[in-house]
C-alpha atoms as a PDB file:
ATOM      1  CA  MET A   1      26.428  60.152  36.393  1.00  0.00           C
ATOM      2  CA  SER A   2      29.028  62.631  34.457  1.00  0.00           C
ATOM      3  CA  ASN A   3      29.335  66.091  35.930  1.00  0.00           C
ATOM      4  CA  ILE A   4      29.912  68.206  32.760  1.00  0.00           C
ATOM      5  CA  THR A   5      30.360  71.887  32.230  1.00  0.00           C
ATOM      6  CA  CYS A   6      30.531  73.721  29.056  1.00  0.00           C
ATOM      7  CA  TYR A   7      32.812  76.883  28.526  1.00  0.00           C
ATOM      8  CA  PHE A   8      32.734  78.913  25.256  1.00  0.00           C
ATOM      9  CA  GLU A   9      35.153  81.886  26.919  1.00  0.00           C
ATOM     10  CA  ASN A  10      37.652  82.217  29.576  1.00  0.00           C
ATOM     11  CA  GLN A  11      38.682  78.630  29.001  1.00  0.00           C
ATOM     12  CA  LYS A  12      42.414  79.656  30.120  1.00  0.00           C
ATOM     13  CA  ASN A  13      41.061  80.743  33.610  1.00  0.00           C
ATOM     14  CA  ILE A  14      39.230  77.384  34.195  1.00  0.00           C
ATOM     15  CA  ILE A  15      42.364  75.411  33.465  1.00  0.00           C
ATOM     16  CA  LEU A  16      44.696  77.438  35.592  1.00  0.00           C
ATOM     17  CA  LYS A  17      42.049  77.223  38.450  1.00  0.00           C
ATOM     18  CA  GLU A  18      42.031  73.310  38.110  1.00  0.00           C
ATOM     19  CA  ILE A  19      45.723  72.647  37.760  1.00  0.00           C
ATOM     20  CA  PRO A  20      46.560  73.791  41.335  1.00  0.00           C
ATOM     21  CA  ASN A  21      44.023  71.232  42.696  1.00  0.00           C
ATOM     22  CA  ALA A  22      45.457  67.882  41.484  1.00  0.00           C
ATOM     23  CA  LYS A  23      46.130  65.705  43.837  1.00  0.00           C
ATOM     24  CA  HIS A  24      48.529  63.185  42.422  1.00  0.00           C
ATOM     25  CA  GLU A  25      48.645  63.224  38.557  1.00  0.00           C
ATOM     26  CA  ILE A  26      47.782  65.307  35.527  1.00  0.00           C
ATOM     27  CA  LEU A  27      47.864  63.872  31.780  1.00  0.00           C
ATOM     28  CA  ILE A  28      47.821  66.155  28.896  1.00  0.00           C
ATOM     29  CA  CYS A  29      48.063  65.358  25.404  1.00  0.00           C
ATOM     30  CA  MET A  30      47.763  68.478  23.480  1.00  0.00           C
ATOM     31  CA  ALA A  31      48.378  69.281  20.000  1.00  0.00           C
ATOM     32  CA  TRP A  32      49.491  73.030  20.340  1.00  0.00           C
ATOM     33  CA  ILE A  33      50.916  74.571  23.325  1.00  0.00           C
ATOM     34  CA  ASN A  34      52.843  77.732  23.798  1.00  0.00           C
ATOM     35  CA  ASP A  35      51.621  79.744  26.686  1.00  0.00           C
ATOM     36  CA  LYS A  36      53.924  79.633  29.431  1.00  0.00           C
ATOM     37  CA  ASP A  37      51.341  80.069  32.117  1.00  0.00           C
ATOM     38  CA  TYR A  38      50.214  76.591  31.367  1.00  0.00           C
ATOM     39  CA  PHE A  39      54.003  75.582  31.799  1.00  0.00           C
ATOM     40  CA  ASN A  40      54.092  77.591  35.198  1.00  0.00           C
ATOM     41  CA  ALA A  41      51.279  75.822  36.587  1.00  0.00           C
ATOM     42  CA  LEU A  42      52.675  72.729  35.850  1.00  0.00           C
ATOM     43  CA  LEU A  43      55.921  73.248  37.090  1.00  0.00           C
ATOM     44  CA  ASN A  44      54.332  74.515  40.501  1.00  0.00           C
ATOM     45  CA  ALA A  45      52.160  71.385  40.695  1.00  0.00           C
ATOM     46  CA  LYS A  46      55.467  69.153  39.812  1.00  0.00           C
ATOM     47  CA  SER A  47      57.132  71.096  42.716  1.00  0.00           C
ATOM     48  CA  ASN A  48      54.530  69.899  45.033  1.00  0.00           C
ATOM     49  CA  GLY A  49      54.802  66.423  44.096  1.00  0.00           C
ATOM     50  CA  ILE A  50      52.421  65.913  41.339  1.00  0.00           C
ATOM     51  CA  LYS A  51      53.334  63.517  38.327  1.00  0.00           C
ATOM     52  CA  ILE A  52      53.072  65.581  35.173  1.00  0.00           C
ATOM     53  CA  GLU A  53      52.961  63.615  31.750  1.00  0.00           C
ATOM     54  CA  LEU A  54      52.797  65.901  28.181  1.00  0.00           C
ATOM     55  CA  ILE A  55      52.481  64.746  25.088  1.00  0.00           C
ATOM     56  CA  THR A  56      52.034  67.009  21.998  1.00  0.00           C
ATOM     57  CA  SER A  57      52.512  66.710  18.420  1.00  0.00           C
ATOM     58  CA  SER A  58      55.682  67.276  15.887  1.00  0.00           C
ATOM     59  CA  ARG A  59      53.999  69.921  14.067  1.00  0.00           C
ATOM     60  CA  ASN A  60      53.757  72.127  17.211  1.00  0.00           C
ATOM     61  CA  HIS A  61      55.654  75.313  16.091  1.00  0.00           C
ATOM     62  CA  ASP A  62      57.423  75.806  19.473  1.00  0.00           C
ATOM     63  CA  LEU A  63      59.538  72.347  20.172  1.00  0.00           C
ATOM     64  CA  ASN A  64      62.115  74.240  21.540  1.00  0.00           C
ATOM     65  CA  LEU A  65      60.082  76.094  24.177  1.00  0.00           C
ATOM     66  CA  LEU A  66      58.230  72.721  25.217  1.00  0.00           C
ATOM     67  CA  THR A  67      61.755  70.637  25.288  1.00  0.00           C
ATOM     68  CA  GLU A  68      63.090  73.244  27.601  1.00  0.00           C
ATOM     69  CA  SER A  69      60.119  73.781  29.837  1.00  0.00           C
ATOM     70  CA  CYS A  70      59.473  70.359  29.995  1.00  0.00           C
ATOM     71  CA  LYS A  71      62.433  68.733  31.424  1.00  0.00           C
ATOM     72  CA  LYS A  72      61.276  68.446  34.955  1.00  0.00           C
ATOM     73  CA  PHE A  73      58.285  66.617  33.638  1.00  0.00           C
ATOM     74  CA  ASP A  74      57.941  62.797  34.339  1.00  0.00           C
ATOM     75  CA  TYR A  75      57.128  62.335  30.728  1.00  0.00           C
ATOM     76  CA  PHE A  76      57.489  64.424  27.930  1.00  0.00           C
ATOM     77  CA  GLY A  77      56.436  63.074  24.389  1.00  0.00           C
ATOM     78  CA  ILE A  78      56.444  64.506  20.749  1.00  0.00           C
ATOM     79  CA  ILE A  79      54.166  62.614  18.459  1.00  0.00           C
ATOM     80  CA  HIS A  80      55.806  61.590  14.863  1.00  0.00           C
ATOM     81  CA  LEU A  81      53.363  60.645  12.160  1.00  0.00           C
ATOM     82  CA  PRO A  82      53.964  60.402   8.403  1.00  0.00           C
ATOM     83  CA  TYR A  83      52.304  63.347   6.354  1.00  0.00           C
ATOM     84  CA  PRO A  84      49.407  64.123   6.283  1.00  0.00           C
ATOM     85  CA  SER A  85      48.631  62.423   9.602  1.00  0.00           C
ATOM     86  CA  ILE A  86      48.547  64.900  12.733  1.00  0.00           C
ATOM     87  CA  MET A  87      48.023  64.365  16.309  1.00  0.00           C
ATOM     88  CA  HIS A  88      45.090  66.552  16.702  1.00  0.00           C
ATOM     89  CA  LYS A  89      43.998  65.653  20.495  1.00  0.00           C
ATOM     90  CA  LYS A  90      43.328  68.335  22.924  1.00  0.00           C
ATOM     91  CA  TYR A  91      42.731  66.940  26.622  1.00  0.00           C
ATOM     92  CA  CYS A  92      43.955  66.874  30.223  1.00  0.00           C
ATOM     93  CA  ILE A  93      43.334  64.279  32.466  1.00  0.00           C
ATOM     94  CA  ILE A  94      43.476  65.353  36.504  1.00  0.00           C
ATOM     95  CA  ASP A  95      43.599  62.469  39.097  1.00  0.00           C
ATOM     96  CA  GLU A  96      41.881  59.901  37.097  1.00  0.00           C
ATOM     97  CA  SER A  97      38.538  61.759  37.558  1.00  0.00           C
ATOM     98  CA  ILE A  98      38.581  65.094  35.600  1.00  0.00           C
ATOM     99  CA  ILE A  99      38.812  65.732  31.674  1.00  0.00           C
ATOM    100  CA  LEU A 100      39.227  69.068  30.370  1.00  0.00           C
ATOM    101  CA  THR A 101      38.676  68.765  26.463  1.00  0.00           C
ATOM    102  CA  GLY A 102      37.196  70.508  23.710  1.00  0.00           C
ATOM    103  CA  SER A 103      38.541  72.582  20.762  1.00  0.00           C
ATOM    104  CA  TYR A 104      40.888  74.469  23.025  1.00  0.00           C
ATOM    105  CA  ASN A 105      44.599  74.367  22.389  1.00  0.00           C
ATOM    106  CA  TRP A 106      46.875  75.727  25.374  1.00  0.00           C
ATOM    107  CA  THR A 107      48.014  78.423  22.951  1.00  0.00           C
ATOM    108  CA  HIS A 108      47.682  82.453  23.058  1.00  0.00           C
ATOM    109  CA  ASN A 109      45.646  82.495  19.738  1.00  0.00           C
ATOM    110  CA  ALA A 110      43.387  79.921  21.466  1.00  0.00           C
ATOM    111  CA  GLU A 111      42.548  82.231  24.179  1.00  0.00           C
ATOM    112  CA  TYR A 112      42.649  85.601  22.412  1.00  0.00           C
ATOM    113  CA  TYR A 113      41.721  85.148  18.833  1.00  0.00           C
ATOM    114  CA  ASN A 114      39.791  81.852  18.245  1.00  0.00           C
ATOM    115  CA  PHE A 115      36.343  80.699  18.829  1.00  0.00           C
ATOM    116  CA  GLU A 116      36.743  77.994  20.944  1.00  0.00           C
ATOM    117  CA  ASN A 117      35.128  75.425  23.466  1.00  0.00           C
ATOM    118  CA  LEU A 118      35.928  73.640  26.662  1.00  0.00           C
ATOM    119  CA  LEU A 119      34.395  70.824  28.336  1.00  0.00           C
ATOM    120  CA  LYS A 120      35.303  70.046  32.183  1.00  0.00           C
ATOM    121  CA  ILE A 121      33.715  66.277  32.696  1.00  0.00           C
ATOM    122  CA  ILE A 122      33.752  65.070  36.028  1.00  0.00           C
ATOM    123  CA  ASP A 123      33.431  60.970  35.699  1.00  0.00           C
ATOM    124  CA  PRO A 124      36.046  58.328  36.746  1.00  0.00           C
ATOM    125  CA  ASN A 125      34.890  55.965  34.045  1.00  0.00           C
ATOM    126  CA  VAL A 126      35.253  58.681  31.102  1.00  0.00           C
ATOM    127  CA  ALA A 127      38.548  59.604  32.485  1.00  0.00           C
ATOM    128  CA  TYR A 128      39.769  55.807  32.481  1.00  0.00           C
ATOM    129  CA  GLN A 129      38.988  55.971  28.759  1.00  0.00           C
ATOM    130  CA  PHE A 130      40.609  59.141  28.398  1.00  0.00           C
ATOM    131  CA  LYS A 131      43.573  57.316  30.279  1.00  0.00           C
ATOM    132  CA  ASN A 132      43.871  54.340  27.977  1.00  0.00           C
ATOM    133  CA  ASP A 133      43.914  56.658  25.009  1.00  0.00           C
ATOM    134  CA  PHE A 134      46.657  58.610  26.767  1.00  0.00           C
ATOM    135  CA  LEU A 135      48.636  55.418  26.885  1.00  0.00           C
ATOM    136  CA  GLU A 136      48.278  54.268  23.583  1.00  0.00           C
ATOM    137  CA  THR A 137      49.031  57.610  22.060  1.00  0.00           C
ATOM    138  CA  LYS A 138      52.061  57.279  24.409  1.00  0.00           C
ATOM    139  CA  VAL A 139      53.385  54.625  22.393  1.00  0.00           C
ATOM    140  CA  PHE A 140      53.773  56.670  19.311  1.00  0.00           C
ATOM    141  CA  SER A 141      55.322  59.381  21.372  1.00  0.00           C
ATOM    142  CA  LYS A 142      58.093  57.261  21.949  1.00  0.00           C
ATOM    143  CA  ASN A 143      58.928  57.306  18.467  1.00  0.00           C
ATOM    144  CA  THR A 144      57.968  53.587  18.143  1.00  0.00           C
ATOM    145  CA  PHE A 145      56.101  54.573  15.053  1.00  0.00           C
ATOM    146  CA  ILE A 146      57.533  53.340  11.842  1.00  0.00           C
ATOM    147  CA  LEU A 147      56.588  52.649   8.419  1.00  0.00           C
ATOM    148  CA  PRO A 148      56.043  48.974   7.939  1.00  0.00           C
ATOM    149  CA  LYS A 149      58.206  46.881   5.409  1.00  0.00           C
ATOM    150  CA  ARG A 150      56.938  46.231   1.797  1.00  0.00           C
ATOM    151  CA  CYS A 151      55.449  43.153   0.686  1.00  0.00           C
ATOM    152  CA  SER A 152      56.766  42.047  -2.997  1.00  0.00           C
ATOM    153  CA  CYS A 153      53.395  43.119  -4.140  1.00  0.00           C
ATOM    154  CA  GLY A 154      53.637  46.602  -2.795  1.00  0.00           C
ATOM    155  CA  GLY A 155      51.455  46.443   0.177  1.00  0.00           C
ATOM    156  CA  ASN A 156      52.539  47.152   3.657  1.00  0.00           C
ATOM    157  CA  LEU A 157      53.596  44.133   5.872  1.00  0.00           C
ATOM    158  CA  ILE A 158      52.006  44.143   9.337  1.00  0.00           C
ATOM    159  CA  ASN A 159      53.474  42.536  12.480  1.00  0.00           C
ATOM    160  CA  ILE A 160      50.654  40.688  14.433  1.00  0.00           C
ATOM    161  CA  LEU A 161      51.770  39.074  18.040  1.00  0.00           C
ATOM    162  CA  CYS A 162      49.703  36.263  18.980  1.00  0.00           C
ATOM    163  CA  ILE A 163      49.400  34.585  22.505  1.00  0.00           C
ATOM    164  CA  GLU A 164      48.763  31.184  23.037  1.00  0.00           C
ATOM    165  CA  ASN A 165      45.681  30.688  25.313  1.00  0.00           C
ATOM    166  CA  GLU A 166      46.798  29.517  28.847  1.00  0.00           C
ATOM    167  CA  ASP A 167      43.839  27.181  29.291  1.00  0.00           C
ATOM    168  CA  TYR A 168      45.628  24.699  26.940  1.00  0.00           C
ATOM    169  CA  ASN A 169      48.817  24.755  28.919  1.00  0.00           C
ATOM    170  CA  LEU A 170      50.601  26.717  26.173  1.00  0.00           C
ATOM    171  CA  GLN A 171      50.746  29.801  28.808  1.00  0.00           C
ATOM    172  CA  GLY A 172      54.177  31.724  27.840  1.00  0.00           C
ATOM    173  CA  GLU A 173      54.121  30.969  24.189  1.00  0.00           C
ATOM    174  CA  CYS A 174      53.560  33.564  21.569  1.00  0.00           C
ATOM    175  CA  TYR A 175      54.051  33.980  17.807  1.00  0.00           C
ATOM    176  CA  ILE A 176      54.575  36.863  15.381  1.00  0.00           C
ATOM    177  CA  TYR A 177      53.328  36.662  11.965  1.00  0.00           C
ATOM    178  CA  SER A 178      53.484  39.173   9.150  1.00  0.00           C
ATOM    179  CA  ILE A 179      50.600  40.158   7.193  1.00  0.00           C
ATOM    180  CA  CYS A 180      50.742  42.261   3.880  1.00  0.00           C
ATOM    181  CA  LEU A 181      47.332  44.357   4.096  1.00  0.00           C
ATOM    182  CA  LYS A 182      46.954  44.171   0.242  1.00  0.00           C
ATOM    183  CA  CYS A 183      47.366  40.800  -0.998  1.00  0.00           C
ATOM    184  CA  GLY A 184      47.264  39.167   2.433  1.00  0.00           C
ATOM    185  CA  GLU A 185      49.840  36.729   2.231  1.00  0.00           C
ATOM    186  CA  THR A 186      51.071  35.762   5.656  1.00  0.00           C
ATOM    187  CA  GLU A 187      54.266  34.504   7.159  1.00  0.00           C
ATOM    188  CA  PHE A 188      55.324  33.253  10.147  1.00  0.00           C
ATOM    189  CA  VAL A 189      58.142  35.707  11.673  1.00  0.00           C
ATOM    190  CA  THR A 190      58.980  34.185  14.952  1.00  0.00           C
ATOM    191  CA  ASN A 191      58.393  32.529  18.438  1.00  0.00           C
ATOM    192  CA  ASP A 192      60.954  34.338  20.137  1.00  0.00           C
ATOM    193  CA  PHE A 193      60.209  37.344  22.019  1.00  0.00           C
ATOM    194  CA  GLU A 194      60.330  39.020  25.353  1.00  0.00           C
ATOM    195  CA  PHE A 195      56.206  39.810  26.313  1.00  0.00           C
ATOM    196  CA  ASN A 196      56.606  39.838  30.090  1.00  0.00           C
ATOM    197  CA  ILE A 197      52.974  41.152  30.570  1.00  0.00           C
ATOM    198  CA  LEU A 198      51.441  39.252  27.987  1.00  0.00           C
ATOM    199  CA  ASN A 199      51.600  35.906  29.679  1.00  0.00           C
ATOM    200  CA  THR A 200      48.996  37.065  32.146  1.00  0.00           C
ATOM    201  CA  LEU A 201      46.194  37.946  29.217  1.00  0.00           C
ATOM    202  CA  THR A 202      43.984  35.242  28.182  1.00  0.00           C
ATOM    203  CA  SER A 203      40.823  35.480  25.604  1.00  0.00           C
ATOM    204  CA  ASP A 204      38.842  35.686  28.827  1.00  0.00           C
ATOM    205  CA  THR A 205      41.075  37.766  31.032  1.00  0.00           C
ATOM    206  CA  SER A 206      42.412  40.137  28.530  1.00  0.00           C
ATOM    207  CA  SER A 207      42.516  43.805  29.664  1.00  0.00           C
ATOM    208  CA  TYR A 208      42.968  46.568  27.428  1.00  0.00           C
ATOM    209  CA  TYR A 209      44.955  48.767  30.170  1.00  0.00           C
ATOM    210  CA  ASP A 210      47.389  45.621  30.251  1.00  0.00           C
ATOM    211  CA  VAL A 211      47.941  45.547  26.619  1.00  0.00           C
ATOM    212  CA  LEU A 212      48.713  49.279  26.672  1.00  0.00           C
ATOM    213  CA  ARG A 213      51.255  48.719  29.558  1.00  0.00           C
ATOM    214  CA  PHE A 214      53.057  46.079  27.520  1.00  0.00           C
ATOM    215  CA  LEU A 215      53.105  48.101  24.307  1.00  0.00           C
ATOM    216  CA  ASN A 216      54.729  51.005  26.596  1.00  0.00           C
ATOM    217  CA  TYR A 217      57.105  48.583  27.845  1.00  0.00           C
ATOM    218  CA  HIS A 218      58.099  47.779  24.269  1.00  0.00           C
ATOM    219  CA  ALA A 219      58.343  50.983  23.461  1.00  0.00           C
ATOM    220  CA  GLU A 220      60.655  51.906  26.472  1.00  0.00           C
ATOM    221  CA  ASN A 221      62.987  48.860  25.776  1.00  0.00           C
ATOM    222  CA  ASN A 222      63.112  50.025  22.120  1.00  0.00           C
ATOM    223  CA  PHE A 223      62.619  46.542  20.553  1.00  0.00           C
ATOM    224  CA  GLU A 224      63.768  46.483  16.773  1.00  0.00           C
ATOM    225  CA  LEU A 225      60.461  44.539  15.695  1.00  0.00           C
ATOM    226  CA  LYS A 226      57.620  46.374  15.661  1.00  0.00           C
ATOM    227  CA  ILE A 227      54.053  45.198  16.768  1.00  0.00           C
ATOM    228  CA  HIS A 228      50.952  46.602  14.772  1.00  0.00           C
ATOM    229  CA  ALA A 229      48.627  44.334  16.428  1.00  0.00           C
ATOM    230  CA  ILE A 230      48.045  41.818  19.548  1.00  0.00           C
ATOM    231  CA  ALA A 231      45.744  38.745  19.199  1.00  0.00           C
ATOM    232  CA  VAL A 232      44.653  36.183  21.790  1.00  0.00           C
ATOM    233  CA  ALA A 233      44.168  32.539  20.836  1.00  0.00           C
ATOM    234  CA  THR A 234      40.638  30.976  21.145  1.00  0.00           C
ATOM    235  CA  ILE A 235      39.728  27.502  20.755  1.00  0.00           C
ATOM    236  CA  ASP A 236      36.321  25.907  20.330  1.00  0.00           C
ATOM    237  CA  PRO A 237      35.682  23.320  22.729  1.00  0.00           C
ATOM    238  CA  ILE A 238      34.038  21.012  20.388  1.00  0.00           C
ATOM    239  CA  SER A 239      35.999  21.163  16.860  1.00  0.00           C
ATOM    240  CA  LEU A 240      39.213  22.255  18.622  1.00  0.00           C
ATOM    241  CA  TYR A 241      39.290  24.876  15.972  1.00  0.00           C
ATOM    242  CA  LYS A 242      41.567  27.836  16.917  1.00  0.00           C
ATOM    243  CA  THR A 243      41.173  31.620  15.642  1.00  0.00           C
ATOM    244  CA  TYR A 244      42.959  34.709  17.060  1.00  0.00           C
ATOM    245  CA  ARG A 245      41.005  37.351  18.159  1.00  0.00           C
ATOM    246  CA  VAL A 246      42.566  40.801  17.877  1.00  0.00           C
ATOM    247  CA  ILE A 247      42.632  42.724  21.304  1.00  0.00           C
ATOM    248  CA  TYR A 248      44.916  45.587  19.881  1.00  0.00           C
ATOM    249  CA  LYS A 249      45.120  47.561  16.758  1.00  0.00           C
ATOM    250  CA  ASN A 250      48.121  50.204  16.032  1.00  0.00           C
ATOM    251  CA  LYS A 251      45.659  53.353  15.696  1.00  0.00           C
ATOM    252  CA  TYR A 252      47.561  54.610  12.405  1.00  0.00           C
ATOM    253  CA  PHE A 253      46.547  51.154  10.674  1.00  0.00           C
ATOM    254  CA  LYS A 254      43.434  49.725  12.568  1.00  0.00           C
ATOM    255  CA  ARG A 255      41.217  50.142   9.836  1.00  0.00           C
ATOM    256  CA  TYR A 256      43.420  47.912   7.805  1.00  0.00           C
ATOM    257  CA  ILE A 257      43.202  45.125  10.498  1.00  0.00           C
ATOM    258  CA  GLU A 258      40.847  42.369  10.862  1.00  0.00           C
ATOM    259  CA  ASP A 259      38.960  41.596  13.895  1.00  0.00           C
ATOM    260  CA  TYR A 260      39.793  38.042  13.713  1.00  0.00           C
ATOM    261  CA  TYR A 261      42.705  35.753  12.294  1.00  0.00           C
ATOM    262  CA  ASP A 262      43.231  32.127  11.496  1.00  0.00           C
ATOM    263  CA  PHE A 263      46.645  31.072  10.897  1.00  0.00           C
END
């Protein structure tokens, strides 16, 4: 069971007490952060060998302060999304077991002027879900988000990476298709693609964590071709009819991407 505690005041003290207790890792996804006390606490943790990663919004008013303060962190990312979208998350994951989340940004205003709330959740299963979200958000913070190309009808063209099922001796093969979100027109793009981690994924064993690891690998290597969805082939053993089950959807376009495709 989860151990959950609610705080409606003195949130800063709670957070600053938790940071020094970290044993190996602190992951922070915070829309706004400008209080130097948090940076000092995180830098102290870093000096003690703790892995520190921070993601914030491009709308943060203190990016200069952030960039200077985060030089020693293991990772610092800024989310760039087109208007009117904004990265509005506010959470911290400590040692894959503790989550600090709520309305509370790590700012002076949040502490001294706003009405805020903070939850402290102790639950490795919940922390695992938050870490998956952190990894997915990290893809965007590596400047991999770009607006899709346009179809002749004016709709957005998204790229779906399709992995063949290794049970049919097709391990290692993958294809990329472009689909218009408006008219539905589909076009084969390429089967020449670096996918490393993906050759371990099948329709039965696909791990969302592995998918996110691949996407971060893809982002780190700055591939020109952007991936908006990943699907795995499934074949009916009787009819041999093949469909592709989508196991990852780009967070920005997920409402437009279907769960299954037939190419």
